[in-house]
């Protein structure tokens, strides 16, 4: 059975959020949102969704559903 560490969950959350927040910023920019607002959208999106993703990952690390040991 594998258990993810908090550090691994943090790195996964951060790497995914950077990619996803850049996507959100590019979409906002393509709709004509001013750059200052795009920056605010980027950082707000990054922080809020990073925290939500991290806690989501930690909660799922406690769930045994769908995990098989190597011996099964």
Protein backbone atom coordinates (compact mmCIF):
# COMPACT_ATOMS: atom_id res chain seq x y z
CA UNK A 1 0.00 0.00 0.00
CA UNK A 2 1.33 3.43 -0.79
CA UNK A 3 0.72 6.55 1.27
CA UNK A 4 1.52 9.97 -0.14
CA UNK A 5 3.41 12.36 2.08
CA UNK A 6 2.19 15.88 2.75
CA UNK A 7 5.22 17.20 0.85
CA UNK A 8 4.29 15.19 -2.24
CA UNK A 9 0.70 16.46 -2.03
CA UNK A 10 1.99 20.05 -1.73
CA UNK A 11 4.27 19.72 -4.77
CA UNK A 12 1.54 18.08 -6.86
CA UNK A 13 -0.97 20.76 -5.88
CA UNK A 14 1.45 23.59 -6.64
CA UNK A 15 2.63 22.24 -10.00
CA UNK A 16 -0.92 21.62 -11.20
CA UNK A 17 -2.21 24.96 -9.93
CA UNK A 18 0.50 26.91 -11.74
CA UNK A 19 -0.44 25.25 -15.04
CA UNK A 20 -4.18 25.67 -14.46
CA UNK A 21 -3.86 29.28 -13.24
CA UNK A 22 -1.82 30.23 -16.29
CA UNK A 23 -4.62 28.76 -18.41
CA UNK A 24 -7.21 30.82 -16.52
CA UNK A 25 -5.11 33.99 -16.95
CA UNK A 26 -4.72 33.37 -20.68
CA UNK A 27 -8.46 32.91 -21.07
CA UNK A 28 -9.14 36.13 -19.15
CA UNK A 29 -6.58 37.98 -21.27
CA UNK A 30 -8.06 36.62 -24.50
CA UNK A 31 -11.43 38.11 -23.46
CA UNK A 32 -9.83 41.53 -23.14
CA UNK A 33 -9.41 41.67 -19.37
CA UNK A 34 -6.75 44.30 -18.48
CA UNK A 35 -3.35 42.89 -17.43
CA UNK A 36 -3.63 44.18 -13.85
CA UNK A 37 -6.91 42.30 -13.44
CA UNK A 38 -5.42 39.23 -15.16
CA UNK A 39 -2.65 39.25 -12.54
CA UNK A 40 -5.16 39.47 -9.71
CA UNK A 41 -7.21 36.66 -11.25
CA UNK A 42 -4.07 34.54 -11.63
CA UNK A 43 -2.91 34.90 -8.03
CA UNK A 44 -6.38 34.60 -6.50
CA UNK A 45 -7.10 31.48 -8.58
CA UNK A 46 -3.70 30.01 -7.71
CA UNK A 47 -4.00 30.48 -3.95
CA UNK A 48 -7.63 29.45 -3.46
CA UNK A 49 -7.55 26.42 -5.73
CA UNK A 50 -4.13 25.35 -4.43
CA UNK A 51 -5.50 25.14 -0.91
CA UNK A 52 -8.66 23.35 -2.02
CA UNK A 53 -6.67 20.83 -4.09
CA UNK A 54 -4.21 20.18 -1.25
CA UNK A 55 -6.96 19.40 1.26
CA UNK A 56 -8.80 17.34 -1.36
CA UNK A 57 -5.65 15.24 -1.91
CA UNK A 58 -5.08 14.82 1.82
CA UNK A 59 -8.68 13.70 2.34
CA UNK A 60 -8.38 11.13 -0.46
CA UNK A 61 -5.16 9.80 1.06
CA UNK A 62 -7.28 8.68 4.02
CA UNK A 63 -9.83 6.84 1.85
CA UNK A 64 -9.13 3.16 1.33
CA UNK A 65 -11.54 2.78 -1.61
CA UNK A 66 -9.84 1.68 -4.84
CA UNK A 67 -6.42 0.94 -3.34
CA UNK A 68 -5.00 -2.54 -3.73
CA UNK A 69 -1.87 -3.84 -2.11
CA UNK A 70 0.85 -5.23 -4.36
CA UNK A 71 0.15 -8.75 -3.12
CA UNK A 72 -3.47 -8.70 -4.43
